[in-house]
PDB file of N, CA and C in Angstrom:
ATOM      1  N   MET A   1      14.688  -6.028   0.388  1.00  0.00           N
ATOM      2  CA  MET A   1      13.316  -6.325  -0.099  1.00  0.00           C
ATOM      3  C   MET A   1      13.097  -7.612  -0.601  1.00  0.00           C
ATOM      4  N   PRO A   2      12.526  -8.369   0.126  1.00  0.00           N
ATOM      5  CA  PRO A   2      12.694  -9.973  -0.139  1.00  0.00           C
ATOM      6  C   PRO A   2      11.505 -10.101  -1.355  1.00  0.00           C
ATOM      7  N   TRP A   3      10.602  -9.345  -1.382  1.00  0.00           N
ATOM      8  CA  TRP A   3       9.608  -9.759  -2.607  1.00  0.00           C
ATOM      9  C   TRP A   3      10.242  -9.337  -3.784  1.00  0.00           C
ATOM     10  N   LEU A   4      11.337  -8.670  -4.091  1.00  0.00           N
ATOM     11  CA  LEU A   4      11.821  -8.214  -5.116  1.00  0.00           C
ATOM     12  C   LEU A   4      12.220  -9.270  -6.151  1.00  0.00           C
ATOM     13  N   ARG A   5      13.077 -10.092  -5.598  1.00  0.00           N
ATOM     14  CA  ARG A   5      13.728 -11.130  -6.463  1.00  0.00           C
ATOM     15  C   ARG A   5      12.569 -11.986  -7.322  1.00  0.00           C
ATOM     16  N   ASP A   6      11.620 -12.614  -6.546  1.00  0.00           N
ATOM     17  CA  ASP A   6      10.437 -13.346  -7.098  1.00  0.00           C
ATOM     18  C   ASP A   6       9.835 -12.232  -8.302  1.00  0.00           C
ATOM     19  N   PHE A   7       9.594 -11.288  -7.696  1.00  0.00           N
ATOM     20  CA  PHE A   7       8.766 -10.183  -8.699  1.00  0.00           C
ATOM     21  C   PHE A   7       9.644  -9.791  -9.861  1.00  0.00           C
ATOM     22  N   LEU A   8      11.019  -9.685  -9.860  1.00  0.00           N
ATOM     23  CA  LEU A   8      11.689  -9.364 -10.950  1.00  0.00           C
ATOM     24  C   LEU A   8      11.854 -10.847 -11.822  1.00  0.00           C
ATOM     25  N   ALA A   9      11.825 -12.063 -11.246  1.00  0.00           N
ATOM     26  CA  ALA A   9      11.849 -13.285 -11.887  1.00  0.00           C
ATOM     27  C   ALA A   9      10.714 -13.406 -12.759  1.00  0.00           C
ATOM     28  N   GLU A  10       9.584 -13.266 -12.214  1.00  0.00           N
ATOM     29  CA  GLU A  10       8.224 -13.540 -12.762  1.00  0.00           C
ATOM     30  C   GLU A  10       8.004 -12.391 -13.849  1.00  0.00           C
ATOM     31  N   SER A  11       8.526 -11.362 -13.802  1.00  0.00           N
ATOM     32  CA  SER A  11       8.441 -10.116 -14.637  1.00  0.00           C
ATOM     33  C   SER A  11       9.273 -10.673 -16.106  1.00  0.00           C
ATOM     34  N   LEU A  12      10.569 -11.136 -15.828  1.00  0.00           N
ATOM     35  CA  LEU A  12      11.336 -11.531 -17.035  1.00  0.00           C
ATOM     36  C   LEU A  12      10.701 -12.743 -17.577  1.00  0.00           C
ATOM     37  N   GLU A  13      10.158 -13.741 -16.871  1.00  0.00           N
ATOM     38  CA  GLU A  13       9.505 -14.673 -17.547  1.00  0.00           C
ATOM     39  C   GLU A  13       8.248 -14.259 -18.438  1.00  0.00           C
ATOM     40  N   ALA A  14       7.550 -13.233 -18.029  1.00  0.00           N
ATOM     41  CA  ALA A  14       6.406 -12.734 -18.665  1.00  0.00           C
ATOM     42  C   ALA A  14       6.897 -11.960 -19.944  1.00  0.00           C
ATOM     43  N   ILE A  15       7.955 -11.237 -19.826  1.00  0.00           N
ATOM     44  CA  ILE A  15       8.529 -10.645 -20.927  1.00  0.00           C
ATOM     45  C   ILE A  15       8.885 -11.507 -22.061  1.00  0.00           C
ATOM     46  N   ASP A  16       9.590 -12.544 -21.493  1.00  0.00           N
ATOM     47  CA  ASP A  16      10.080 -13.776 -22.724  1.00  0.00           C
ATOM     48  C   ASP A  16       8.905 -14.486 -23.362  1.00  0.00           C
ATOM     49  N   SER A  17       7.945 -14.584 -22.462  1.00  0.00           N
ATOM     50  CA  SER A  17       6.764 -15.133 -22.982  1.00  0.00           C
ATOM     51  C   SER A  17       6.169 -14.287 -23.904  1.00  0.00           C
ATOM     52  N   ILE A  18       5.854 -13.050 -23.717  1.00  0.00           N
ATOM     53  CA  ILE A  18       5.175 -12.053 -24.433  1.00  0.00           C
ATOM     54  C   ILE A  18       6.095 -11.942 -25.822  1.00  0.00           C
ATOM     55  N   GLU A  19       7.314 -11.915 -25.834  1.00  0.00           N
ATOM     56  CA  GLU A  19       8.306 -11.754 -27.082  1.00  0.00           C
ATOM     57  C   GLU A  19       8.025 -13.041 -27.666  1.00  0.00           C
ATOM     58  N   ALA A  20       8.180 -14.269 -27.122  1.00  0.00           N
ATOM     59  CA  ALA A  20       8.012 -15.488 -27.855  1.00  0.00           C
ATOM     60  C   ALA A  20       6.520 -15.709 -28.425  1.00  0.00           C
ATOM     61  N   HIS A  21       5.442 -15.345 -27.679  1.00  0.00           N
ATOM     62  CA  HIS A  21       4.324 -15.787 -28.433  1.00  0.00           C
ATOM     63  C   HIS A  21       3.279 -14.678 -29.370  1.00  0.00           C
ATOM     64  N   TYR A  22       4.066 -13.180 -28.941  1.00  0.00           N
ATOM     65  CA  TYR A  22       3.327 -12.306 -29.633  1.00  0.00           C
ATOM     66  C   TYR A  22       4.228 -11.405 -30.476  1.00  0.00           C
ATOM     67  N   ALA A  23       5.490 -11.980 -30.715  1.00  0.00           N
ATOM     68  CA  ALA A  23       6.350 -11.026 -31.635  1.00  0.00           C
ATOM     69  C   ALA A  23       5.631 -10.521 -32.911  1.00  0.00           C
ATOM     70  N   GLY A  24       5.815  -9.457 -33.559  1.00  0.00           N
ATOM     71  CA  GLY A  24       5.091  -9.014 -34.618  1.00  0.00           C
ATOM     72  C   GLY A  24       3.838  -8.283 -34.231  1.00  0.00           C
ATOM     73  N   THR A  25       3.425  -8.150 -32.866  1.00  0.00           N
ATOM     74  CA  THR A  25       2.160  -7.624 -32.773  1.00  0.00           C
ATOM     75  C   THR A  25       2.428  -6.320 -31.957  1.00  0.00           C
ATOM     76  N   MET A  26       1.432  -5.790 -31.343  1.00  0.00           N
ATOM     77  CA  MET A  26       1.535  -4.714 -30.337  1.00  0.00           C
ATOM     78  C   MET A  26       2.107  -5.019 -28.944  1.00  0.00           C
ATOM     79  N   ALA A  27       1.817  -6.386 -28.743  1.00  0.00           N
ATOM     80  CA  ALA A  27       2.163  -6.753 -27.357  1.00  0.00           C
ATOM     81  C   ALA A  27       3.431  -6.420 -26.776  1.00  0.00           C
ATOM     82  N   PRO A  28       4.477  -6.524 -27.437  1.00  0.00           N
ATOM     83  CA  PRO A  28       6.033  -6.298 -27.130  1.00  0.00           C
ATOM     84  C   PRO A  28       5.963  -4.871 -26.976  1.00  0.00           C
ATOM     85  N   VAL A  29       5.412  -4.012 -27.723  1.00  0.00           N
ATOM     86  CA  VAL A  29       5.562  -2.650 -27.632  1.00  0.00           C
ATOM     87  C   VAL A  29       4.843  -2.176 -26.132  1.00  0.00           C
ATOM     88  N   LEU A  30       3.587  -2.880 -25.994  1.00  0.00           N
ATOM     89  CA  LEU A  30       2.983  -2.637 -24.520  1.00  0.00           C
ATOM     90  C   LEU A  30       3.685  -2.678 -23.503  1.00  0.00           C
ATOM     91  N   CYS A  31       4.228  -4.126 -23.613  1.00  0.00           N
ATOM     92  CA  CYS A  31       5.184  -4.557 -22.514  1.00  0.00           C
ATOM     93  C   CYS A  31       6.142  -3.534 -22.086  1.00  0.00           C
ATOM     94  N   ARG A  32       6.802  -3.112 -23.101  1.00  0.00           N
ATOM     95  CA  ARG A  32       8.090  -1.996 -23.004  1.00  0.00           C
ATOM     96  C   ARG A  32       7.369  -0.795 -22.089  1.00  0.00           C
ATOM     97  N   GLN A  33       6.178  -0.311 -22.789  1.00  0.00           N
ATOM     98  CA  GLN A  33       5.459   0.662 -22.173  1.00  0.00           C
ATOM     99  C   GLN A  33       5.249   0.668 -20.903  1.00  0.00           C
ATOM    100  N   ALA A  34       4.723  -0.464 -20.615  1.00  0.00           N
ATOM    101  CA  ALA A  34       4.089  -0.733 -18.995  1.00  0.00           C
ATOM    102  C   ALA A  34       5.551  -0.738 -18.143  1.00  0.00           C
ATOM    103  N   PHE A  35       6.798  -1.063 -18.588  1.00  0.00           N
ATOM    104  CA  PHE A  35       8.034  -1.111 -17.934  1.00  0.00           C
ATOM    105  C   PHE A  35       8.472   0.330 -17.928  1.00  0.00           C
ATOM    106  N   ASP A  36       8.350   1.113 -18.978  1.00  0.00           N
ATOM    107  CA  ASP A  36       8.940   2.364 -19.090  1.00  0.00           C
ATOM    108  C   ASP A  36       8.040   3.206 -17.662  1.00  0.00           C
ATOM    109  N   ASP A  37       6.638   2.868 -17.839  1.00  0.00           N
ATOM    110  CA  ASP A  37       5.670   3.710 -17.058  1.00  0.00           C
ATOM    111  C   ASP A  37       6.006   3.467 -15.618  1.00  0.00           C
ATOM    112  N   CYS A  38       6.592   1.902 -15.182  1.00  0.00           N
ATOM    113  CA  CYS A  38       6.977   1.742 -14.001  1.00  0.00           C
ATOM    114  C   CYS A  38       8.118   2.603 -13.290  1.00  0.00           C
ATOM    115  N   LEU A  39       9.116   2.446 -14.378  1.00  0.00           N
ATOM    116  CA  LEU A  39      10.496   3.134 -14.063  1.00  0.00           C
ATOM    117  C   LEU A  39      10.044   4.763 -13.906  1.00  0.00           C
ATOM    118  N   ARG A  40       9.246   5.191 -14.639  1.00  0.00           N
ATOM    119  CA  ARG A  40       9.013   6.779 -14.641  1.00  0.00           C
ATOM    120  C   ARG A  40       8.179   6.951 -13.099  1.00  0.00           C
ATOM    121  N   GLN A  41       7.293   5.951 -12.823  1.00  0.00           N
ATOM    122  CA  GLN A  41       6.772   6.107 -11.365  1.00  0.00           C
ATOM    123  C   GLN A  41       7.830   6.043 -10.124  1.00  0.00           C
ATOM    124  N   LEU A  42       8.810   5.125 -10.272  1.00  0.00           N
ATOM    125  CA  LEU A  42       9.536   4.892  -9.488  1.00  0.00           C
ATOM    126  C   LEU A  42      10.485   5.965  -9.404  1.00  0.00           C
ATOM    127  N   LEU A  43      10.910   6.615 -10.373  1.00  0.00           N
ATOM    128  CA  LEU A  43      11.786   7.773 -10.262  1.00  0.00           C
ATOM    129  C   LEU A  43      11.152   9.052  -9.578  1.00  0.00           C
ATOM    130  N   ASP A  44       9.849   9.083 -10.032  1.00  0.00           N
ATOM    131  CA  ASP A  44       8.940  10.062  -9.332  1.00  0.00           C
ATOM    132  C   ASP A  44       8.996   9.949  -7.944  1.00  0.00           C
ATOM    133  N   LEU A  45       8.770   8.651  -7.476  1.00  0.00           N
ATOM    134  CA  LEU A  45       8.710   8.559  -6.105  1.00  0.00           C
ATOM    135  C   LEU A  45       9.991   8.652  -5.543  1.00  0.00           C
ATOM    136  N   ARG A  46      10.970   8.501  -5.948  1.00  0.00           N
ATOM    137  CA  ARG A  46      12.221   8.981  -5.598  1.00  0.00           C
ATOM    138  C   ARG A  46      12.689  10.425  -5.239  1.00  0.00           C
ATOM    139  N   ARG A  47      11.766  11.070  -6.270  1.00  0.00           N
ATOM    140  CA  ARG A  47      11.934  12.600  -5.578  1.00  0.00           C
ATOM    141  C   ARG A  47      10.808  13.069  -4.761  1.00  0.00           C
ATOM    142  N   GLY A  48       9.824  12.056  -4.307  1.00  0.00           N
ATOM    143  CA  GLY A  48       8.776  12.380  -3.370  1.00  0.00           C
ATOM    144  C   GLY A  48       7.488  12.614  -4.165  1.00  0.00           C
ATOM    145  N   GLN A  49       7.219  12.363  -5.203  1.00  0.00           N
ATOM    146  CA  GLN A  49       6.406  12.766  -6.002  1.00  0.00           C
ATOM    147  C   GLN A  49       5.398  11.419  -6.385  1.00  0.00           C
ATOM    148  N   PHE A  50       4.165  11.632  -6.381  1.00  0.00           N
ATOM    149  CA  PHE A  50       3.396  10.124  -6.879  1.00  0.00           C
ATOM    150  C   PHE A  50       2.164  10.917  -7.512  1.00  0.00           C
ATOM    151  N   GLU A  51       1.571  10.539  -8.704  1.00  0.00           N
ATOM    152  CA  GLU A  51       0.419  11.009  -9.194  1.00  0.00           C
ATOM    153  C   GLU A  51      -0.633   9.575  -9.462  1.00  0.00           C
ATOM    154  N   ALA A  52      -1.684   9.927  -8.374  1.00  0.00           N
ATOM    155  CA  ALA A  52      -2.489   8.801  -8.516  1.00  0.00           C
ATOM    156  C   ALA A  52      -3.382   8.814  -9.685  1.00  0.00           C
ATOM    157  N   PRO A  53      -4.054   7.776 -10.082  1.00  0.00           N
ATOM    158  CA  PRO A  53      -5.003   7.983 -11.105  1.00  0.00           C
ATOM    159  C   PRO A  53      -6.330   8.643 -10.685  1.00  0.00           C
ATOM    160  N   PHE A  54      -6.736   9.432 -11.515  1.00  0.00           N
ATOM    161  CA  PHE A  54      -7.961  10.527 -11.030  1.00  0.00           C
ATOM    162  C   PHE A  54      -8.829   9.834 -10.524  1.00  0.00           C
ATOM    163  N   ASP A  55      -9.453   8.614 -10.752  1.00  0.00           N
ATOM    164  CA  ASP A  55     -10.584   7.981 -10.084  1.00  0.00           C
ATOM    165  C   ASP A  55     -10.375   7.081  -8.812  1.00  0.00           C
ATOM    166  N   ASP A  56      -8.865   7.093  -8.380  1.00  0.00           N
ATOM    167  CA  ASP A  56      -8.534   6.232  -7.286  1.00  0.00           C
ATOM    168  C   ASP A  56      -8.319   7.244  -6.183  1.00  0.00           C
ATOM    169  N   ASN A  57      -9.344   7.061  -5.454  1.00  0.00           N
ATOM    170  CA  ASN A  57      -9.170   8.096  -3.937  1.00  0.00           C
ATOM    171  C   ASN A  57      -8.761   7.093  -2.680  1.00  0.00           C
ATOM    172  N   GLU A  58      -8.276   6.051  -3.052  1.00  0.00           N
ATOM    173  CA  GLU A  58      -7.640   5.020  -1.952  1.00  0.00           C
ATOM    174  C   GLU A  58      -6.544   5.917  -1.270  1.00  0.00           C
ATOM    175  N   LEU A  59      -5.665   6.467  -1.974  1.00  0.00           N
ATOM    176  CA  LEU A  59      -4.492   7.042  -1.403  1.00  0.00           C
ATOM    177  C   LEU A  59      -4.790   8.361  -0.720  1.00  0.00           C
ATOM    178  N   VAL A  60      -5.710   9.189  -1.261  1.00  0.00           N
ATOM    179  CA  VAL A  60      -6.036  10.364  -0.353  1.00  0.00           C
ATOM    180  C   VAL A  60      -6.884   9.764   0.668  1.00  0.00           C
ATOM    181  N   TYR A  61      -7.739   8.990   0.796  1.00  0.00           N
ATOM    182  CA  TYR A  61      -8.129   8.344   2.259  1.00  0.00           C
ATOM    183  C   TYR A  61      -7.051   7.981   3.183  1.00  0.00           C
ATOM    184  N   ALA A  62      -6.168   7.245   2.606  1.00  0.00           N
ATOM    185  CA  ALA A  62      -5.029   6.740   3.483  1.00  0.00           C
ATOM    186  C   ALA A  62      -4.256   7.821   4.002  1.00  0.00           C
ATOM    187  N   LEU A  63      -3.837   9.037   3.319  1.00  0.00           N
ATOM    188  CA  LEU A  63      -3.196  10.143   3.653  1.00  0.00           C
ATOM    189  C   LEU A  63      -4.000  10.863   4.650  1.00  0.00           C
ATOM    190  N   THR A  64      -5.451  10.950   4.362  1.00  0.00           N
ATOM    191  CA  THR A  64      -6.204  11.614   5.262  1.00  0.00           C
ATOM    192  C   THR A  64      -6.267  11.115   6.722  1.00  0.00           C
ATOM    193  N   ARG A  65      -6.390   9.793   6.695  1.00  0.00           N
ATOM    194  CA  ARG A  65      -6.531   9.176   8.072  1.00  0.00           C
ATOM    195  C   ARG A  65      -5.268   9.396   8.895  1.00  0.00           C
ATOM    196  N   ARG A  66      -4.105   9.703   8.061  1.00  0.00           N
ATOM    197  CA  ARG A  66      -2.640   9.810   8.769  1.00  0.00           C
ATOM    198  C   ARG A  66      -2.389  11.288   9.368  1.00  0.00           C
ATOM    199  N   THR A  67      -3.336  12.064   8.715  1.00  0.00           N
ATOM    200  CA  THR A  67      -3.041  13.617   8.787  1.00  0.00           C
ATOM    201  C   THR A  67      -3.149  13.812  10.306  1.00  0.00           C
ATOM    202  N   GLU A  68      -2.208  14.649  11.144  1.00  0.00           N
ATOM    203  CA  GLU A  68      -2.128  14.822  12.380  1.00  0.00           C
ATOM    204  C   GLU A  68      -2.559  16.309  12.778  1.00  0.00           C
ATOM    205  N   ARG A  69      -2.196  17.107  11.552  1.00  0.00           N
ATOM    206  CA  ARG A  69      -2.694  18.655  12.061  1.00  0.00           C
ATOM    207  C   ARG A  69      -3.341  19.223  10.908  1.00  0.00           C
ATOM    208  N   ASP A  70      -2.582  19.276   9.672  1.00  0.00           N
ATOM    209  CA  ASP A  70      -3.272  19.959   8.686  1.00  0.00           C
ATOM    210  C   ASP A  70      -3.092  19.518   7.457  1.00  0.00           C
ATOM    211  N   LEU A  71      -4.171  19.700   6.538  1.00  0.00           N
ATOM    212  CA  LEU A  71      -4.208  19.010   5.170  1.00  0.00           C
ATOM    213  C   LEU A  71      -4.392  20.043   4.249  1.00  0.00           C
ATOM    214  N   LEU A  72      -3.637  20.143   3.384  1.00  0.00           N
ATOM    215  CA  LEU A  72      -3.506  21.312   2.249  1.00  0.00           C
ATOM    216  C   LEU A  72      -3.995  20.378   0.842  1.00  0.00           C
ATOM    217  N   ALA A  73      -4.824  20.890   0.174  1.00  0.00           N
ATOM    218  CA  ALA A  73      -5.138  20.078  -1.097  1.00  0.00           C
ATOM    219  C   ALA A  73      -5.541  21.162  -2.177  1.00  0.00           C
ATOM    220  N   THR A  74      -5.354  21.047  -3.477  1.00  0.00           N
ATOM    221  CA  THR A  74      -5.831  21.685  -4.357  1.00  0.00           C
ATOM    222  C   THR A  74      -6.546  20.732  -5.416  1.00  0.00           C
ATOM    223  N   SER A  75      -7.570  21.177  -6.072  1.00  0.00           N
ATOM    224  CA  SER A  75      -8.478  20.577  -7.280  1.00  0.00           C
ATOM    225  C   SER A  75      -8.620  21.418  -8.286  1.00  0.00           C
ATOM    226  N   VAL A  76      -8.659  20.926  -9.577  1.00  0.00           N
ATOM    227  CA  VAL A  76      -8.730  21.821 -10.610  1.00  0.00           C
ATOM    228  C   VAL A  76      -9.957  21.212 -11.168  1.00  0.00           C
ATOM    229  N   GLU A  77     -10.756  20.503 -10.542  1.00  0.00           N
ATOM    230  CA  GLU A  77     -11.917  19.878 -10.827  1.00  0.00           C
ATOM    231  C   GLU A  77     -13.380  20.321 -10.203  1.00  0.00           C
ATOM    232  N   GLU A  78     -14.011  21.055 -10.574  1.00  0.00           N
ATOM    233  CA  GLU A  78     -15.206  21.838  -9.828  1.00  0.00           C
ATOM    234  C   GLU A  78     -15.872  20.786  -9.372  1.00  0.00           C
ATOM    235  N   VAL A  79     -16.036  19.505  -9.703  1.00  0.00           N
ATOM    236  CA  VAL A  79     -16.901  18.493  -9.038  1.00  0.00           C
ATOM    237  C   VAL A  79     -16.297  18.002  -7.754  1.00  0.00           C
ATOM    238  N   ASP A  80     -15.060  18.289  -7.597  1.00  0.00           N
ATOM    239  CA  ASP A  80     -14.358  17.921  -6.327  1.00  0.00           C
ATOM    240  C   ASP A  80     -14.724  18.871  -5.306  1.00  0.00           C
ATOM    241  N   LEU A  81     -15.147  20.228  -5.399  1.00  0.00           N
ATOM    242  CA  LEU A  81     -15.177  20.973  -4.388  1.00  0.00           C
ATOM    243  C   LEU A  81     -16.135  20.685  -3.344  1.00  0.00           C
ATOM    244  N   LYS A  82     -17.235  20.019  -3.438  1.00  0.00           N
ATOM    245  CA  LYS A  82     -18.188  19.602  -2.664  1.00  0.00           C
ATOM    246  C   LYS A  82     -17.503  18.541  -1.732  1.00  0.00           C
ATOM    247  N   TRP A  83     -16.900  17.783  -2.277  1.00  0.00           N
ATOM    248  CA  TRP A  83     -16.190  16.797  -1.345  1.00  0.00           C
ATOM    249  C   TRP A  83     -15.000  17.263  -0.410  1.00  0.00           C
ATOM    250  N   TRP A  84     -14.357  18.260  -1.025  1.00  0.00           N
ATOM    251  CA  TRP A  84     -13.300  18.902   0.177  1.00  0.00           C
ATOM    252  C   TRP A  84     -13.920  19.740   0.990  1.00  0.00           C
ATOM    253  N   GLN A  85     -15.086  20.124   0.812  1.00  0.00           N
ATOM    254  CA  GLN A  85     -15.838  21.173   1.639  1.00  0.00           C
ATOM    255  C   GLN A  85     -16.293  20.016   2.904  1.00  0.00           C
TER     256      GLN A  85
END
């Protein structure tokens, strides 16, 4: 993954900067939460699971375009029923 080295270096620089400039504020806590969320998503992806944000349909559209035979979907929101039909 050629992009990972630069991405991690930039991430570490951002963390250092946040810690240096915003110590004692909520910024370092939010920084940690962002990384915890990222790790949680990566672990889910490793298990073949991904939860898209409710208002982001881009993944649904991309997967629908790739569908070759059947598409099974569930929705708990009544407002989605018309879209799926």
